[in-house]
Amino acid sequence: MRAALEEDPAWLGVYAEFGRRLRTDADFRERWKQRTPPEVERRILDRIAASQRSGDLRDDLDAKEIARLIGLILDGLVIQRAFGFDPPANESVTGLLRDALAPR
């Protein structure tokens, strides 16, 4: 999150274009799938699950749901920055996300 808030907005436009290509270009999407091993998603989910077990993250949600929430927030930040909107305060975003995912 911190990196997305601090990244050059011109570079973040590449992120949006990348998403468009994944959605509209089947050959590009297939090449991406071949370069991104399934273990990457598994490692992310394992890290979230470990944080849940250790009490750092709430455990009433599935690790995939938490990953999706983080992805949605990250995508929103990137799109807003790429479109030229001023970023919110870094501490505000990370604090709200931390509060949302804090153990209950």
PDB file of N, CA and C in Angstrom:
ATOM      1  N   MET A   1       0.829  -1.179   0.000  1.00  0.00           N
ATOM      2  CA  MET A   1       0.000   0.000   0.000  1.00  0.00           C
ATOM      3  C   MET A   1       0.878   1.249   0.000  1.00  0.00           C
ATOM      4  N   ARG A   2       1.884   1.208   0.857  1.00  0.00           N
ATOM      5  CA  ARG A   2       2.750   2.388   0.954  1.00  0.00           C
ATOM      6  C   ARG A   2       3.406   2.698  -0.385  1.00  0.00           C
ATOM      7  N   ALA A   3       3.882   1.667  -1.073  1.00  0.00           N
ATOM      8  CA  ALA A   3       4.546   1.874  -2.363  1.00  0.00           C
ATOM      9  C   ALA A   3       3.572   2.449  -3.391  1.00  0.00           C
ATOM     10  N   ALA A   4       2.337   1.961  -3.411  1.00  0.00           N
ATOM     11  CA  ALA A   4       1.347   2.463  -4.370  1.00  0.00           C
ATOM     12  C   ALA A   4       1.038   3.927  -4.115  1.00  0.00           C
ATOM     13  N   LEU A   5       1.031   4.334  -2.863  1.00  0.00           N
ATOM     14  CA  LEU A   5       0.742   5.729  -2.526  1.00  0.00           C
ATOM     15  C   LEU A   5       1.891   6.654  -2.905  1.00  0.00           C
ATOM     16  N   GLU A   6       3.092   6.103  -2.968  1.00  0.00           N
ATOM     17  CA  GLU A   6       4.266   6.927  -3.235  1.00  0.00           C
ATOM     18  C   GLU A   6       4.749   6.831  -4.673  1.00  0.00           C
ATOM     19  N   GLU A   7       4.231   5.887  -5.447  1.00  0.00           N
ATOM     20  CA  GLU A   7       4.693   5.648  -6.816  1.00  0.00           C
ATOM     21  C   GLU A   7       4.308   6.794  -7.743  1.00  0.00           C
ATOM     22  N   ASP A   8       5.114   6.998  -8.765  1.00  0.00           N
ATOM     23  CA  ASP A   8       4.846   7.996  -9.792  1.00  0.00           C
ATOM     24  C   ASP A   8       3.533   7.652 -10.505  1.00  0.00           C
ATOM     25  N   PRO A   9       2.569   8.565 -10.529  1.00  0.00           N
ATOM     26  CA  PRO A   9       1.279   8.282 -11.171  1.00  0.00           C
ATOM     27  C   PRO A   9       1.413   7.854 -12.633  1.00  0.00           C
ATOM     28  N   ALA A  10       2.409   8.368 -13.351  1.00  0.00           N
ATOM     29  CA  ALA A  10       2.580   7.966 -14.753  1.00  0.00           C
ATOM     30  C   ALA A  10       2.887   6.470 -14.844  1.00  0.00           C
ATOM     31  N   TRP A  11       3.675   5.974 -13.923  1.00  0.00           N
ATOM     32  CA  TRP A  11       4.009   4.556 -13.922  1.00  0.00           C
ATOM     33  C   TRP A  11       2.784   3.712 -13.556  1.00  0.00           C
ATOM     34  N   LEU A  12       1.947   4.226 -12.672  1.00  0.00           N
ATOM     35  CA  LEU A  12       0.768   3.478 -12.255  1.00  0.00           C
ATOM     36  C   LEU A  12      -0.219   3.292 -13.404  1.00  0.00           C
ATOM     37  N   GLY A  13      -0.160   4.144 -14.425  1.00  0.00           N
ATOM     38  CA  GLY A  13      -0.985   3.945 -15.611  1.00  0.00           C
ATOM     39  C   GLY A  13      -0.677   2.628 -16.296  1.00  0.00           C
ATOM     40  N   VAL A  14       0.556   2.179 -16.174  1.00  0.00           N
ATOM     41  CA  VAL A  14       0.944   0.886 -16.736  1.00  0.00           C
ATOM     42  C   VAL A  14       0.146  -0.228 -16.065  1.00  0.00           C
ATOM     43  N   TYR A  15      -0.094  -0.093 -14.782  1.00  0.00           N
ATOM     44  CA  TYR A  15      -0.870  -1.069 -14.020  1.00  0.00           C
ATOM     45  C   TYR A  15      -2.273  -1.201 -14.594  1.00  0.00           C
ATOM     46  N   ALA A  16      -2.895  -0.058 -14.894  1.00  0.00           N
ATOM     47  CA  ALA A  16      -4.241  -0.071 -15.471  1.00  0.00           C
ATOM     48  C   ALA A  16      -4.224  -0.701 -16.857  1.00  0.00           C
ATOM     49  N   GLU A  17      -3.230  -0.369 -17.650  1.00  0.00           N
ATOM     50  CA  GLU A  17      -3.120  -0.954 -18.987  1.00  0.00           C
ATOM     51  C   GLU A  17      -2.892  -2.458 -18.898  1.00  0.00           C
ATOM     52  N   PHE A  18      -2.101  -2.866 -17.944  1.00  0.00           N
ATOM     53  CA  PHE A  18      -1.845  -4.291 -17.737  1.00  0.00           C
ATOM     54  C   PHE A  18      -3.154  -5.029 -17.453  1.00  0.00           C
ATOM     55  N   GLY A  19      -3.976  -4.451 -16.581  1.00  0.00           N
ATOM     56  CA  GLY A  19      -5.271  -5.055 -16.267  1.00  0.00           C
ATOM     57  C   GLY A  19      -6.172  -5.141 -17.485  1.00  0.00           C
ATOM     58  N   ARG A  20      -6.164  -4.091 -18.294  1.00  0.00           N
ATOM     59  CA  ARG A  20      -6.971  -4.100 -19.513  1.00  0.00           C
ATOM     60  C   ARG A  20      -6.526  -5.213 -20.457  1.00  0.00           C
ATOM     61  N   ARG A  21      -5.216  -5.358 -20.604  1.00  0.00           N
ATOM     62  CA  ARG A  21      -4.698  -6.408 -21.489  1.00  0.00           C
ATOM     63  C   ARG A  21      -5.030  -7.803 -20.959  1.00  0.00           C
ATOM     64  N   LEU A  22      -4.944  -7.985 -19.658  1.00  0.00           N
ATOM     65  CA  LEU A  22      -5.314  -9.288 -19.086  1.00  0.00           C
ATOM     66  C   LEU A  22      -6.774  -9.620 -19.387  1.00  0.00           C
ATOM     67  N   ARG A  23      -7.620  -8.600 -19.356  1.00  0.00           N
ATOM     68  CA  ARG A  23      -9.050  -8.803 -19.571  1.00  0.00           C
ATOM     69  C   ARG A  23      -9.396  -9.009 -21.038  1.00  0.00           C
ATOM     70  N   THR A  24      -8.687  -8.350 -21.942  1.00  0.00           N
ATOM     71  CA  THR A  24      -9.102  -8.331 -23.346  1.00  0.00           C
ATOM     72  C   THR A  24      -8.239  -9.143 -24.300  1.00  0.00           C
ATOM     73  N   ASP A  25      -7.062  -9.552 -23.884  1.00  0.00           N
ATOM     74  CA  ASP A  25      -6.126 -10.234 -24.788  1.00  0.00           C
ATOM     75  C   ASP A  25      -5.824 -11.633 -24.249  1.00  0.00           C
ATOM     76  N   ALA A  26      -6.496 -12.636 -24.832  1.00  0.00           N
ATOM     77  CA  ALA A  26      -6.372 -14.019 -24.344  1.00  0.00           C
ATOM     78  C   ALA A  26      -4.931 -14.526 -24.427  1.00  0.00           C
ATOM     79  N   ASP A  27      -4.217 -14.190 -25.489  1.00  0.00           N
ATOM     80  CA  ASP A  27      -2.821 -14.639 -25.619  1.00  0.00           C
ATOM     81  C   ASP A  27      -1.951 -14.025 -24.522  1.00  0.00           C
ATOM     82  N   PHE A  28      -2.140 -12.744 -24.281  1.00  0.00           N
ATOM     83  CA  PHE A  28      -1.392 -12.065 -23.222  1.00  0.00           C
ATOM     84  C   PHE A  28      -1.706 -12.695 -21.874  1.00  0.00           C
ATOM     85  N   ARG A  29      -2.987 -12.949 -21.616  1.00  0.00           N
ATOM     86  CA  ARG A  29      -3.418 -13.555 -20.343  1.00  0.00           C
ATOM     87  C   ARG A  29      -2.771 -14.930 -20.159  1.00  0.00           C
ATOM     88  N   GLU A  30      -2.719 -15.725 -21.225  1.00  0.00           N
ATOM     89  CA  GLU A  30      -2.123 -17.057 -21.133  1.00  0.00           C
ATOM     90  C   GLU A  30      -0.617 -16.965 -20.869  1.00  0.00           C
ATOM     91  N   ARG A  31       0.055 -16.042 -21.541  1.00  0.00           N
ATOM     92  CA  ARG A  31       1.494 -15.864 -21.285  1.00  0.00           C
ATOM     93  C   ARG A  31       1.729 -15.447 -19.838  1.00  0.00           C
ATOM     94  N   TRP A  32       0.867 -14.581 -19.313  1.00  0.00           N
ATOM     95  CA  TRP A  32       1.001 -14.139 -17.922  1.00  0.00           C
ATOM     96  C   TRP A  32       0.814 -15.312 -16.966  1.00  0.00           C
ATOM     97  N   LYS A  33      -0.176 -16.138 -17.227  1.00  0.00           N
ATOM     98  CA  LYS A  33      -0.423 -17.301 -16.370  1.00  0.00           C
ATOM     99  C   LYS A  33       0.792 -18.230 -16.352  1.00  0.00           C
ATOM    100  N   GLN A  34       1.445 -18.380 -17.488  1.00  0.00           N
ATOM    101  CA  GLN A  34       2.616 -19.252 -17.563  1.00  0.00           C
ATOM    102  C   GLN A  34       3.803 -18.657 -16.808  1.00  0.00           C
ATOM    103  N   ARG A  35       3.873 -17.334 -16.726  1.00  0.00           N
ATOM    104  CA  ARG A  35       4.986 -16.680 -16.021  1.00  0.00           C
ATOM    105  C   ARG A  35       4.728 -16.527 -14.528  1.00  0.00           C
ATOM    106  N   THR A  36       3.478 -16.639 -14.126  1.00  0.00           N
ATOM    107  CA  THR A  36       3.119 -16.468 -12.727  1.00  0.00           C
ATOM    108  C   THR A  36       2.700 -17.818 -12.164  1.00  0.00           C
ATOM    109  N   PRO A  37       3.609 -18.503 -11.527  1.00  0.00           N
ATOM    110  CA  PRO A  37       3.274 -19.834 -11.014  1.00  0.00           C
ATOM    111  C   PRO A  37       2.193 -19.778  -9.944  1.00  0.00           C
ATOM    112  N   PRO A  38       1.378 -20.835  -9.866  1.00  0.00           N
ATOM    113  CA  PRO A  38       0.318 -20.877  -8.856  1.00  0.00           C
ATOM    114  C   PRO A  38       0.851 -20.765  -7.427  1.00  0.00           C
ATOM    115  N   GLU A  39       2.127 -21.071  -7.235  1.00  0.00           N
ATOM    116  CA  GLU A  39       2.702 -20.991  -5.887  1.00  0.00           C
ATOM    117  C   GLU A  39       2.687 -19.564  -5.341  1.00  0.00           C
ATOM    118  N   VAL A  40       2.698 -18.574  -6.231  1.00  0.00           N
ATOM    119  CA  VAL A  40       2.707 -17.182  -5.765  1.00  0.00           C
ATOM    120  C   VAL A  40       1.439 -16.908  -4.964  1.00  0.00           C
ATOM    121  N   GLU A  41       0.279 -17.266  -5.517  1.00  0.00           N
ATOM    122  CA  GLU A  41      -0.972 -17.064  -4.785  1.00  0.00           C
ATOM    123  C   GLU A  41      -0.974 -17.893  -3.506  1.00  0.00           C
ATOM    124  N   ARG A  42      -0.481 -19.113  -3.582  1.00  0.00           N
ATOM    125  CA  ARG A  42      -0.447 -19.983  -2.417  1.00  0.00           C
ATOM    126  C   ARG A  42       0.417 -19.374  -1.320  1.00  0.00           C
ATOM    127  N   ARG A  43       1.568 -18.798  -1.668  1.00  0.00           N
ATOM    128  CA  ARG A  43       2.440 -18.174  -0.658  1.00  0.00           C
ATOM    129  C   ARG A  43       1.760 -16.984   0.008  1.00  0.00           C
ATOM    130  N   ILE A  44       1.034 -16.193  -0.787  1.00  0.00           N
ATOM    131  CA  ILE A  44       0.314 -15.046  -0.225  1.00  0.00           C
ATOM    132  C   ILE A  44      -0.749 -15.537   0.758  1.00  0.00           C
ATOM    133  N   LEU A  45      -1.520 -16.530   0.338  1.00  0.00           N
ATOM    134  CA  LEU A  45      -2.579 -17.057   1.211  1.00  0.00           C
ATOM    135  C   LEU A  45      -1.993 -17.712   2.453  1.00  0.00           C
ATOM    136  N   ASP A  46      -0.872 -18.404   2.303  1.00  0.00           N
ATOM    137  CA  ASP A  46      -0.213 -19.020   3.461  1.00  0.00           C
ATOM    138  C   ASP A  46       0.263 -17.957   4.445  1.00  0.00           C
ATOM    139  N   ARG A  47       0.768 -16.849   3.932  1.00  0.00           N
ATOM    140  CA  ARG A  47       1.243 -15.771   4.807  1.00  0.00           C
ATOM    141  C   ARG A  47       0.072 -15.146   5.574  1.00  0.00           C
ATOM    142  N   ILE A  48      -1.042 -14.943   4.876  1.00  0.00           N
ATOM    143  CA  ILE A  48      -2.229 -14.405   5.542  1.00  0.00           C
ATOM    144  C   ILE A  48      -2.716 -15.380   6.606  1.00  0.00           C
ATOM    145  N   ALA A  49      -2.787 -16.669   6.264  1.00  0.00           N
ATOM    146  CA  ALA A  49      -3.249 -17.687   7.221  1.00  0.00           C
ATOM    147  C   ALA A  49      -2.328 -17.743   8.441  1.00  0.00           C
ATOM    148  N   ALA A  50      -1.022 -17.630   8.216  1.00  0.00           N
ATOM    149  CA  ALA A  50      -0.079 -17.635   9.340  1.00  0.00           C
ATOM    150  C   ALA A  50      -0.311 -16.417  10.241  1.00  0.00           C
ATOM    151  N   SER A  51      -0.596 -15.273   9.631  1.00  0.00           N
ATOM    152  CA  SER A  51      -0.882 -14.072  10.413  1.00  0.00           C
ATOM    153  C   SER A  51      -2.192 -14.221  11.192  1.00  0.00           C
ATOM    154  N   GLN A  52      -3.135 -14.954  10.629  1.00  0.00           N
ATOM    155  CA  GLN A  52      -4.376 -15.220  11.353  1.00  0.00           C
ATOM    156  C   GLN A  52      -4.109 -16.133  12.550  1.00  0.00           C
ATOM    157  N   ARG A  53      -3.323 -17.181  12.328  1.00  0.00           N
ATOM    158  CA  ARG A  53      -3.021 -18.119  13.413  1.00  0.00           C
ATOM    159  C   ARG A  53      -2.245 -17.456  14.542  1.00  0.00           C
ATOM    160  N   SER A  54      -1.372 -16.517  14.186  1.00  0.00           N
ATOM    161  CA  SER A  54      -0.558 -15.855  15.212  1.00  0.00           C
ATOM    162  C   SER A  54      -1.329 -14.749  15.927  1.00  0.00           C
ATOM    163  N   GLY A  55      -2.552 -14.457  15.469  1.00  0.00           N
ATOM    164  CA  GLY A  55      -3.360 -13.424  16.108  1.00  0.00           C
ATOM    165  C   GLY A  55      -3.130 -12.030  15.574  1.00  0.00           C
ATOM    166  N   ASP A  56      -2.363 -11.906  14.494  1.00  0.00           N
ATOM    167  CA  ASP A  56      -2.113 -10.587  13.915  1.00  0.00           C
ATOM    168  C   ASP A  56      -3.255 -10.114  13.010  1.00  0.00           C
ATOM    169  N   LEU A  57      -4.010 -11.055  12.448  1.00  0.00           N
ATOM    170  CA  LEU A  57      -5.146 -10.729  11.587  1.00  0.00           C
ATOM    171  C   LEU A  57      -6.383 -11.449  12.093  1.00  0.00           C
ATOM    172  N   ARG A  58      -7.527 -10.864  11.840  1.00  0.00           N
ATOM    173  CA  ARG A  58      -8.779 -11.495  12.252  1.00  0.00           C
ATOM    174  C   ARG A  58      -8.903 -12.869  11.598  1.00  0.00           C
ATOM    175  N   ASP A  59      -9.515 -13.788  12.319  1.00  0.00           N
ATOM    176  CA  ASP A  59      -9.616 -15.155  11.820  1.00  0.00           C
ATOM    177  C   ASP A  59     -11.049 -15.566  11.487  1.00  0.00           C
ATOM    178  N   ASP A  60     -11.950 -14.586  11.480  1.00  0.00           N
ATOM    179  CA  ASP A  60     -13.335 -14.899  11.132  1.00  0.00           C
ATOM    180  C   ASP A  60     -13.595 -14.785   9.629  1.00  0.00           C
ATOM    181  N   LEU A  61     -12.558 -14.470   8.871  1.00  0.00           N
ATOM    182  CA  LEU A  61     -12.646 -14.400   7.418  1.00  0.00           C
ATOM    183  C   LEU A  61     -11.680 -15.400   6.801  1.00  0.00           C
ATOM    184  N   ASP A  62     -12.035 -15.889   5.646  1.00  0.00           N
ATOM    185  CA  ASP A  62     -11.160 -16.774   4.894  1.00  0.00           C
ATOM    186  C   ASP A  62      -9.960 -15.966   4.382  1.00  0.00           C
ATOM    187  N   ALA A  63      -8.806 -16.599   4.313  1.00  0.00           N
ATOM    188  CA  ALA A  63      -7.596 -15.912   3.835  1.00  0.00           C
ATOM    189  C   ALA A  63      -7.814 -15.332   2.440  1.00  0.00           C
ATOM    190  N   LYS A  64      -8.563 -16.034   1.588  1.00  0.00           N
ATOM    191  CA  LYS A  64      -8.844 -15.521   0.241  1.00  0.00           C
ATOM    192  C   LYS A  64      -9.667 -14.239   0.292  1.00  0.00           C
ATOM    193  N   GLU A  65     -10.595 -14.148   1.239  1.00  0.00           N
ATOM    194  CA  GLU A  65     -11.396 -12.928   1.370  1.00  0.00           C
ATOM    195  C   GLU A  65     -10.523 -11.750   1.792  1.00  0.00           C
ATOM    196  N   ILE A  66      -9.590 -12.008   2.682  1.00  0.00           N
ATOM    197  CA  ILE A  66      -8.678 -10.950   3.123  1.00  0.00           C
ATOM    198  C   ILE A  66      -7.791 -10.515   1.961  1.00  0.00           C
ATOM    199  N   ALA A  67      -7.261 -11.480   1.225  1.00  0.00           N
ATOM    200  CA  ALA A  67      -6.415 -11.155   0.072  1.00  0.00           C
ATOM    201  C   ALA A  67      -7.188 -10.331  -0.951  1.00  0.00           C
ATOM    202  N   ARG A  68      -8.435 -10.694  -1.178  1.00  0.00           N
ATOM    203  CA  ARG A  68      -9.260  -9.959  -2.142  1.00  0.00           C
ATOM    204  C   ARG A  68      -9.509  -8.522  -1.660  1.00  0.00           C
ATOM    205  N   LEU A  69      -9.777  -8.340  -0.374  1.00  0.00           N
ATOM    206  CA  LEU A  69      -9.976  -6.999   0.164  1.00  0.00           C
ATOM    207  C   LEU A  69      -8.722  -6.148  -0.028  1.00  0.00           C
ATOM    208  N   ILE A  70      -7.580  -6.703   0.299  1.00  0.00           N
ATOM    209  CA  ILE A  70      -6.322  -5.972   0.131  1.00  0.00           C
ATOM    210  C   ILE A  70      -6.123  -5.618  -1.344  1.00  0.00           C
ATOM    211  N   GLY A  71      -6.413  -6.576  -2.231  1.00  0.00           N
ATOM    212  CA  GLY A  71      -6.289  -6.322  -3.665  1.00  0.00           C
ATOM    213  C   GLY A  71      -7.219  -5.220  -4.147  1.00  0.00           C
ATOM    214  N   LEU A  72      -8.444  -5.220  -3.645  1.00  0.00           N
ATOM    215  CA  LEU A  72      -9.402  -4.180  -4.028  1.00  0.00           C
ATOM    216  C   LEU A  72      -8.926  -2.798  -3.592  1.00  0.00           C
ATOM    217  N   ILE A  73      -8.421  -2.717  -2.381  1.00  0.00           N
ATOM    218  CA  ILE A  73      -7.936  -1.428  -1.891  1.00  0.00           C
ATOM    219  C   ILE A  73      -6.712  -0.983  -2.695  1.00  0.00           C
ATOM    220  N   LEU A  74      -5.809  -1.902  -2.943  1.00  0.00           N
ATOM    221  CA  LEU A  74      -4.618  -1.577  -3.732  1.00  0.00           C
ATOM    222  C   LEU A  74      -5.001  -1.129  -5.135  1.00  0.00           C
ATOM    223  N   ASP A  75      -5.907  -1.862  -5.783  1.00  0.00           N
ATOM    224  CA  ASP A  75      -6.344  -1.483  -7.130  1.00  0.00           C
ATOM    225  C   ASP A  75      -6.967  -0.090  -7.128  1.00  0.00           C
ATOM    226  N   GLY A  76      -7.801   0.195  -6.131  1.00  0.00           N
ATOM    227  CA  GLY A  76      -8.422   1.510  -6.044  1.00  0.00           C
ATOM    228  C   GLY A  76      -7.401   2.619  -5.875  1.00  0.00           C
ATOM    229  N   LEU A  77      -6.401   2.389  -5.039  1.00  0.00           N
ATOM    230  CA  LEU A  77      -5.344   3.388  -4.849  1.00  0.00           C
ATOM    231  C   LEU A  77      -4.581   3.634  -6.142  1.00  0.00           C
ATOM    232  N   VAL A  78      -4.240   2.554  -6.807  1.00  0.00           N
ATOM    233  CA  VAL A  78      -3.475   2.674  -8.052  1.00  0.00           C
ATOM    234  C   VAL A  78      -4.280   3.427  -9.107  1.00  0.00           C
ATOM    235  N   ILE A  79      -5.536   3.078  -9.258  1.00  0.00           N
ATOM    236  CA  ILE A  79      -6.372   3.739 -10.278  1.00  0.00           C
ATOM    237  C   ILE A  79      -6.514   5.226  -9.966  1.00  0.00           C
ATOM    238  N   GLN A  80      -6.795   5.558  -8.719  1.00  0.00           N
ATOM    239  CA  GLN A  80      -6.933   6.973  -8.369  1.00  0.00           C
ATOM    240  C   GLN A  80      -5.645   7.733  -8.632  1.00  0.00           C
ATOM    241  N   ARG A  81      -4.518   7.152  -8.263  1.00  0.00           N
ATOM    242  CA  ARG A  81      -3.226   7.808  -8.501  1.00  0.00           C
ATOM    243  C   ARG A  81      -2.946   7.932  -9.988  1.00  0.00           C
ATOM    244  N   ALA A  82      -3.223   6.875 -10.764  1.00  0.00           N
ATOM    245  CA  ALA A  82      -2.979   6.898 -12.203  1.00  0.00           C
ATOM    246  C   ALA A  82      -3.856   7.944 -12.891  1.00  0.00           C
ATOM    247  N   PHE A  83      -5.049   8.189 -12.348  1.00  0.00           N
ATOM    248  CA  PHE A  83      -5.967   9.172 -12.923  1.00  0.00           C
ATOM    249  C   PHE A  83      -5.671  10.591 -12.453  1.00  0.00           C
ATOM    250  N   GLY A  84      -4.658  10.749 -11.602  1.00  0.00           N
ATOM    251  CA  GLY A  84      -4.220  12.072 -11.209  1.00  0.00           C
ATOM    252  C   GLY A  84      -4.782  12.607  -9.905  1.00  0.00           C
ATOM    253  N   PHE A  85      -5.516  11.787  -9.169  1.00  0.00           N
ATOM    254  CA  PHE A  85      -6.026  12.235  -7.876  1.00  0.00           C
ATOM    255  C   PHE A  85      -4.909  12.211  -6.842  1.00  0.00           C
ATOM    256  N   ASP A  86      -4.959  13.146  -5.919  1.00  0.00           N
ATOM    257  CA  ASP A  86      -3.973  13.171  -4.839  1.00  0.00           C
ATOM    258  C   ASP A  86      -4.161  11.942  -3.958  1.00  0.00           C
ATOM    259  N   PRO A  87      -3.058  11.361  -3.517  1.00  0.00           N
ATOM    260  CA  PRO A  87      -3.184  10.179  -2.662  1.00  0.00           C
ATOM    261  C   PRO A  87      -3.643  10.555  -1.264  1.00  0.00           C
ATOM    262  N   PRO A  88      -4.365   9.654  -0.616  1.00  0.00           N
ATOM    263  CA  PRO A  88      -4.677   9.888   0.793  1.00  0.00           C
ATOM    264  C   PRO A  88      -3.397   9.736   1.610  1.00  0.00           C
ATOM    265  N   ALA A  89      -3.443  10.187   2.831  1.00  0.00           N
ATOM    266  CA  ALA A  89      -2.281  10.033   3.711  1.00  0.00           C
ATOM    267  C   ALA A  89      -1.982   8.553   3.892  1.00  0.00           C
ATOM    268  N   ASN A  90      -0.712   8.212   3.762  1.00  0.00           N
ATOM    269  CA  ASN A  90      -0.285   6.821   3.889  1.00  0.00           C
ATOM    270  C   ASN A  90      -0.778   6.201   5.189  1.00  0.00           C
ATOM    271  N   GLU A  91      -0.626   6.945   6.290  1.00  0.00           N
ATOM    272  CA  GLU A  91      -1.030   6.425   7.599  1.00  0.00           C
ATOM    273  C   GLU A  91      -2.528   6.193   7.666  1.00  0.00           C
ATOM    274  N   SER A  92      -3.290   7.003   6.951  1.00  0.00           N
ATOM    275  CA  SER A  92      -4.744   6.858   6.948  1.00  0.00           C
ATOM    276  C   SER A  92      -5.146   5.528   6.314  1.00  0.00           C
ATOM    277  N   VAL A  93      -4.593   5.240   5.150  1.00  0.00           N
ATOM    278  CA  VAL A  93      -4.955   4.004   4.443  1.00  0.00           C
ATOM    279  C   VAL A  93      -4.484   2.778   5.208  1.00  0.00           C
ATOM    280  N   THR A  94      -3.237   2.773   5.607  1.00  0.00           N
ATOM    281  CA  THR A  94      -2.718   1.598   6.311  1.00  0.00           C
ATOM    282  C   THR A  94      -3.406   1.431   7.664  1.00  0.00           C
ATOM    283  N   GLY A  95      -3.715   2.546   8.333  1.00  0.00           N
ATOM    284  CA  GLY A  95      -4.409   2.468   9.618  1.00  0.00           C
ATOM    285  C   GLY A  95      -5.817   1.904   9.474  1.00  0.00           C
ATOM    286  N   LEU A  96      -6.554   2.372   8.471  1.00  0.00           N
ATOM    287  CA  LEU A  96      -7.902   1.859   8.243  1.00  0.00           C
ATOM    288  C   LEU A  96      -7.881   0.374   7.873  1.00  0.00           C
ATOM    289  N   LEU A  97      -6.918  -0.008   7.033  1.00  0.00           N
ATOM    290  CA  LEU A  97      -6.814  -1.422   6.657  1.00  0.00           C
ATOM    291  C   LEU A  97      -6.443  -2.264   7.882  1.00  0.00           C
ATOM    292  N   ARG A  98      -5.517  -1.769   8.668  1.00  0.00           N
ATOM    293  CA  ARG A  98      -5.126  -2.488   9.890  1.00  0.00           C
ATOM    294  C   ARG A  98      -6.317  -2.650  10.817  1.00  0.00           C
ATOM    295  N   ASP A  99      -7.107  -1.589  10.977  1.00  0.00           N
ATOM    296  CA  ASP A  99      -8.311  -1.668  11.832  1.00  0.00           C
ATOM    297  C   ASP A  99      -9.314  -2.661  11.278  1.00  0.00           C
ATOM    298  N   ALA A 100      -9.489  -2.663   9.970  1.00  0.00           N
ATOM    299  CA  ALA A 100     -10.459  -3.579   9.361  1.00  0.00           C
ATOM    300  C   ALA A 100     -10.056  -5.038   9.526  1.00  0.00           C
ATOM    301  N   LEU A 101      -8.760  -5.287   9.564  1.00  0.00           N
ATOM    302  CA  LEU A 101      -8.277  -6.674   9.627  1.00  0.00           C
ATOM    303  C   LEU A 101      -7.782  -7.088  11.009  1.00  0.00           C
ATOM    304  N   ALA A 102      -7.900  -6.193  11.964  1.00  0.00           N
ATOM    305  CA  ALA A 102      -7.455  -6.509  13.330  1.00  0.00           C
ATOM    306  C   ALA A 102      -8.298  -7.650  13.916  1.00  0.00           C
ATOM    307  N   PRO A 103      -7.678  -8.463  14.748  1.00  0.00           N
ATOM    308  CA  PRO A 103      -8.437  -9.552  15.388  1.00  0.00           C
ATOM    309  C   PRO A 103      -9.642  -8.995  16.144  1.00  0.00           C
ATOM    310  N   ARG A 104     -10.710  -9.718  16.107  1.00  0.00           N
ATOM    311  CA  ARG A 104     -11.960  -9.317  16.784  1.00  0.00           C
ATOM    312  C   ARG A 104     -11.999  -9.889  18.175  1.00  0.00           C
TER     313      ARG A 104
END
